[in-house]
Amino acid sequence: MTDPLDLATLARSIGHEFKDATLLERAVTHSSFSHENRVADYERLEFLGDAVLQLATTVLLGERFPEAHEGQLSPLRARLVSTTALATLAGRLGIGPWLRLGIGEAASGGRDRPRVLAGAVEAVLGAVFQDAGYPAAEALVRTWMAEPLAGLAREEEHDWKDPRSLLQELVQSTLGETPTYDVTVQDGPPHQPRFGVVVRVGDRVLATGEGPSKREASRHAAELALVGLRAQS
């Protein structure tokens, strides 16, 4: 097994040159090793790294999918930072062999245990944050998440695109025109307004949608228009 105290190779694999190498040493120190050897473990760094990871992935998802709403972005973030995803990332970074584990934890397969590996990834990120600040940590997350983000884009892109954008793409490609939206209904009390919006291409009405705001009514109209146009194709 690789000597866990010689961490220069791991630092290169992670992609960060530590000013304070003791931070990386702590980031790979499991609580089982800590209890046996009376040294600091990675749990506080893991707690910090989790917060940094949540923020950085939220920013990245917002940039990559600007038309997605919160209800679509939350499960995507959960997938990126899940125990399974982070354990896979730990494998790519080669963290497992460098983990400092107690005798029992090592003997029982702790070096391959997803929860241990995921915790170590978060701890490493927390160590980078403490060593060089948020910009360095965010840059690392951008590198780490480039491949998973590309996978999400290939797999789910049309599920979170705004239906108005999808409708515009479809209409422009098939009819060479741009759809327009007009508010036809606006009523209801101030605390519970109701809007009706019709979407047209030229003089042709594609659909009419309703919603509690002009935006939601337009989205609804676009969704109905997409259903109708796709059924015709």
Protein backbone atom coordinates (compact mmCIF):
# COMPACT_ATOMS: atom_id res chain seq x y z
CA MET A 1 0.00 0.00 0.00
CA THR A 2 1.16 3.53 -0.74
CA ASP A 3 2.62 5.36 2.25
CA PRO A 4 -0.25 7.65 3.36
CA LEU A 5 2.18 10.25 4.68
CA ASP A 6 3.76 10.87 1.27
CA LEU A 7 0.95 12.95 -0.17
CA ALA A 8 2.61 14.86 -3.01
CA THR A 9 1.26 12.41 -5.59
CA LEU A 10 -2.26 12.71 -4.19
CA ALA A 11 -2.05 16.50 -4.23
CA ARG A 12 -1.15 16.39 -7.93
CA SER A 13 -4.01 14.01 -8.63
CA ILE A 14 -6.45 16.27 -6.78
CA GLY A 15 -5.18 19.28 -8.69
CA HIS A 16 -4.09 21.55 -5.84
CA GLU A 17 -0.65 22.34 -4.47
CA PHE A 18 -1.05 22.81 -0.73
CA LYS A 19 0.77 25.54 1.10
CA ASP A 20 -0.06 23.69 4.33
CA ALA A 21 0.41 19.98 3.65
CA THR A 22 -0.92 19.05 7.09
CA LEU A 23 -4.40 19.99 5.86
CA LEU A 24 -4.31 17.29 3.19
CA GLU A 25 -2.96 14.79 5.72
CA ARG A 26 -5.91 15.54 8.00
CA ALA A 27 -8.32 15.34 5.05
CA VAL A 28 -7.45 11.67 4.53
CA THR A 29 -7.46 10.76 8.22
CA HIS A 30 -10.54 8.72 9.14
CA SER A 31 -11.99 8.82 12.66
CA SER A 32 -10.94 5.17 13.20
CA PHE A 33 -7.30 6.15 12.70
CA SER A 34 -7.80 9.21 14.87
CA HIS A 35 -9.13 7.14 17.77
CA GLU A 36 -6.21 4.72 17.62
CA ASN A 37 -3.49 7.35 17.19
CA ARG A 38 -4.93 10.44 18.92
CA VAL A 39 -4.65 12.73 15.91
CA ALA A 40 -7.24 14.99 14.27
CA ASP A 41 -9.62 13.32 11.81
CA TYR A 42 -11.28 14.75 8.71
CA GLU A 43 -14.80 15.27 10.08
CA ARG A 44 -14.61 19.05 10.55
CA LEU A 45 -13.05 19.44 7.11
CA GLU A 46 -15.78 17.18 5.71
CA PHE A 47 -18.44 19.43 7.24
CA LEU A 48 -16.80 22.49 5.68
CA GLY A 49 -16.24 20.82 2.34
CA ASP A 50 -19.87 19.74 2.12
CA ALA A 51 -20.98 23.40 2.36
CA VAL A 52 -18.44 24.50 -0.26
CA LEU A 53 -19.48 21.68 -2.59
CA GLN A 54 -23.18 22.53 -2.28
CA LEU A 55 -22.51 26.19 -3.15
CA ALA A 56 -20.10 25.49 -6.00
CA THR A 57 -22.32 22.87 -7.66
CA THR A 58 -25.33 25.18 -7.33
CA VAL A 59 -23.41 27.90 -9.18
CA LEU A 60 -22.24 25.47 -11.86
CA LEU A 61 -25.71 24.07 -12.47
CA GLY A 62 -27.14 27.58 -12.74
CA GLU A 63 -24.53 28.46 -15.33
CA ARG A 64 -24.89 25.24 -17.31
CA PHE A 65 -28.70 25.18 -17.30
CA PRO A 66 -29.84 28.83 -17.10
CA GLU A 67 -33.40 28.00 -18.12
CA ALA A 68 -33.97 25.33 -15.49
CA HIS A 69 -36.01 26.22 -12.42
CA GLU A 70 -35.33 25.31 -8.79
CA GLY A 71 -37.49 22.21 -8.88
CA GLN A 72 -35.35 20.84 -11.71
CA LEU A 73 -31.98 21.93 -10.35
CA SER A 74 -32.35 20.50 -6.84
CA PRO A 75 -32.46 16.82 -7.89
CA LEU A 76 -29.61 17.39 -10.34
CA ARG A 77 -27.47 18.80 -7.55
CA ALA A 78 -28.42 15.88 -5.33
CA ARG A 79 -27.17 13.51 -8.02
CA LEU A 80 -23.87 15.34 -8.41
CA VAL A 81 -23.09 15.33 -4.68
CA SER A 82 -24.59 11.96 -3.72
CA THR A 83 -22.51 9.44 -1.80
CA THR A 84 -22.28 7.25 -4.89
CA ALA A 85 -21.20 10.12 -7.14
CA LEU A 86 -18.56 11.34 -4.69
CA ALA A 87 -17.24 7.82 -4.13
CA THR A 88 -16.87 7.50 -7.91
CA LEU A 89 -15.02 10.82 -7.93
CA ALA A 90 -12.76 9.56 -5.15
CA GLY A 91 -11.92 6.61 -7.37
CA ARG A 92 -11.02 8.90 -10.27
CA LEU A 93 -8.80 10.95 -7.98
CA GLY A 94 -7.19 7.87 -6.45
CA ILE A 95 -7.99 8.85 -2.86
CA GLY A 96 -8.64 5.34 -1.50
CA PRO A 97 -5.03 4.14 -1.19
CA TRP A 98 -4.09 7.28 0.73
CA LEU A 99 -6.73 7.02 3.42
CA ARG A 100 -5.42 6.72 6.96
CA LEU A 101 -7.69 4.12 8.52
CA GLY A 102 -7.75 2.31 11.82
CA ILE A 103 -6.72 -1.34 11.78
CA GLY A 104 -10.27 -2.67 12.00
CA GLU A 105 -11.66 -0.22 9.43
CA ALA A 106 -8.93 -1.09 6.96
CA ALA A 107 -9.39 -4.83 7.49
CA SER A 108 -13.15 -4.59 6.92
CA GLY A 109 -12.81 -2.86 3.55
CA GLY A 110 -13.10 0.76 4.62
CA ARG A 111 -10.82 1.86 1.82
CA ASP A 112 -13.55 0.92 -0.68
CA ARG A 113 -16.57 1.95 1.40
CA PRO A 114 -18.59 4.63 -0.48
CA ARG A 115 -19.46 6.66 2.63
CA VAL A 116 -15.80 6.81 3.70
CA LEU A 117 -14.64 7.80 0.21
CA ALA A 118 -17.37 10.44 -0.17
CA GLY A 119 -16.48 11.92 3.20
CA ALA A 120 -12.84 12.09 2.21
CA VAL A 121 -13.69 13.96 -1.02
CA GLU A 122 -15.61 16.57 0.96
CA ALA A 123 -12.79 16.77 3.49
CA VAL A 124 -10.24 17.33 0.73
CA LEU A 125 -12.36 20.15 -0.64
CA GLY A 126 -12.63 21.63 2.84
CA ALA A 127 -8.86 21.42 3.14
CA VAL A 128 -8.42 23.26 -0.17
CA PHE A 129 -10.82 25.95 1.03
CA GLN A 130 -8.85 26.42 4.24
CA ASP A 131 -5.55 26.36 2.37
CA ALA A 132 -6.37 28.78 -0.46
CA GLY A 133 -9.93 30.12 -0.10
CA TYR A 134 -13.16 29.73 -2.04
CA PRO A 135 -11.87 30.61 -5.56
CA ALA A 136 -9.38 27.73 -5.44
CA ALA A 137 -12.02 25.35 -4.10
CA GLU A 138 -14.57 26.38 -6.72
CA ALA A 139 -12.01 25.98 -9.51
CA LEU A 140 -11.37 22.45 -8.29
CA VAL A 141 -15.08 21.64 -8.26
CA ARG A 142 -15.34 22.97 -11.82
CA THR A 143 -12.67 20.51 -12.88
CA TRP A 144 -14.07 17.61 -10.88
CA MET A 145 -17.63 18.15 -12.10
CA ALA A 146 -16.93 18.82 -15.79
CA GLU A 147 -17.55 15.22 -16.83
CA PRO A 148 -20.66 14.63 -14.65
CA LEU A 149 -22.17 17.93 -15.82
CA ALA A 150 -21.62 16.99 -19.46
CA GLY A 151 -23.35 13.69 -18.74
CA LEU A 152 -26.35 15.47 -17.26
CA ALA A 153 -26.56 17.74 -20.29
CA ARG A 154 -26.57 14.79 -22.68
CA GLU A 155 -29.04 12.81 -20.62
CA GLU A 156 -31.64 15.35 -19.52
CA GLU A 157 -31.28 18.58 -21.46
CA HIS A 158 -34.79 18.71 -22.91
CA ASP A 159 -36.38 17.94 -19.55
CA TRP A 160 -35.36 21.26 -18.03
CA LYS A 161 -35.30 23.63 -20.98
CA ASP A 162 -37.93 26.35 -20.78
CA PRO A 163 -40.83 25.26 -23.05
CA ARG A 164 -40.85 28.75 -24.59
CA SER A 165 -37.29 28.22 -25.78
CA LEU A 166 -38.14 24.76 -27.10
CA LEU A 167 -41.18 26.14 -28.92
CA GLN A 168 -39.15 28.95 -30.47
CA GLU A 169 -36.52 26.50 -31.70
CA LEU A 170 -39.17 24.21 -33.17
CA VAL A 171 -41.17 26.99 -34.85
CA GLN A 172 -38.11 28.70 -36.28
CA SER A 173 -36.74 25.45 -37.66
CA THR A 174 -40.04 24.30 -39.20
CA LEU A 175 -41.85 27.54 -40.08
CA GLY A 176 -39.10 30.11 -40.18
CA GLU A 177 -41.02 32.40 -37.81
CA THR A 178 -40.96 33.38 -34.14
CA PRO A 179 -43.93 32.76 -31.83
CA THR A 180 -45.54 35.71 -30.03
CA TYR A 181 -47.40 35.81 -26.73
CA ASP A 182 -50.38 38.02 -25.85
CA VAL A 183 -52.16 38.35 -22.51
CA THR A 184 -55.86 37.75 -23.10
CA VAL A 185 -57.08 37.38 -19.50
CA GLN A 186 -56.02 39.14 -16.31
CA ASP A 187 -58.38 38.83 -13.37
CA GLY A 188 -58.74 37.47 -9.85
CA PRO A 189 -57.98 39.12 -6.50
CA PRO A 190 -54.53 40.71 -5.91
CA HIS A 191 -53.41 37.83 -3.71
CA GLN A 192 -54.49 35.21 -6.28
CA PRO A 193 -54.31 36.64 -9.80
CA ARG A 194 -55.08 34.62 -12.91
CA PHE A 195 -53.64 35.23 -16.35
CA GLY A 196 -54.49 33.83 -19.75
CA VAL A 197 -51.91 33.97 -22.55
CA VAL A 198 -52.30 32.99 -26.18
CA VAL A 199 -49.28 32.01 -28.28
CA ARG A 200 -49.42 32.62 -32.02
CA VAL A 201 -47.35 32.23 -35.15
CA GLY A 202 -48.50 35.04 -37.39
CA ASP A 203 -52.33 34.84 -37.35
CA ARG A 204 -52.35 31.20 -36.32
CA VAL A 205 -53.22 30.46 -32.68
CA LEU A 206 -51.12 27.59 -31.40
CA ALA A 207 -52.46 27.35 -27.84
CA THR A 208 -53.79 29.24 -24.84
CA GLY A 209 -52.35 28.81 -21.38
CA GLU A 210 -53.28 29.88 -17.86
CA GLY A 211 -51.28 30.59 -14.73
CA PRO A 212 -50.84 32.77 -11.64
CA SER A 213 -48.42 35.04 -13.53
CA LYS A 214 -47.76 36.08 -17.12
CA ARG A 215 -44.62 33.98 -17.08
CA GLU A 216 -46.38 30.82 -15.91
CA ALA A 217 -49.27 31.34 -18.31
CA SER A 218 -46.79 31.76 -21.18
CA ARG A 219 -44.95 28.59 -20.15
CA HIS A 220 -48.25 26.71 -20.04
CA ALA A 221 -49.23 28.00 -23.48
CA ALA A 222 -45.84 26.96 -24.89
CA GLU A 223 -46.16 23.48 -23.38
CA LEU A 224 -49.58 23.00 -24.98
CA ALA A 225 -48.33 24.36 -28.30
CA LEU A 226 -45.42 21.91 -28.26
CA VAL A 227 -47.77 19.01 -27.66
CA GLY A 228 -49.95 20.07 -30.58
CA LEU A 229 -47.10 20.67 -33.03
CA ARG A 230 -45.33 17.44 -32.15
CA ALA A 231 -48.57 15.50 -32.61
CA GLN A 232 -48.83 16.93 -36.15
CA SER A 233 -45.28 16.01 -37.11
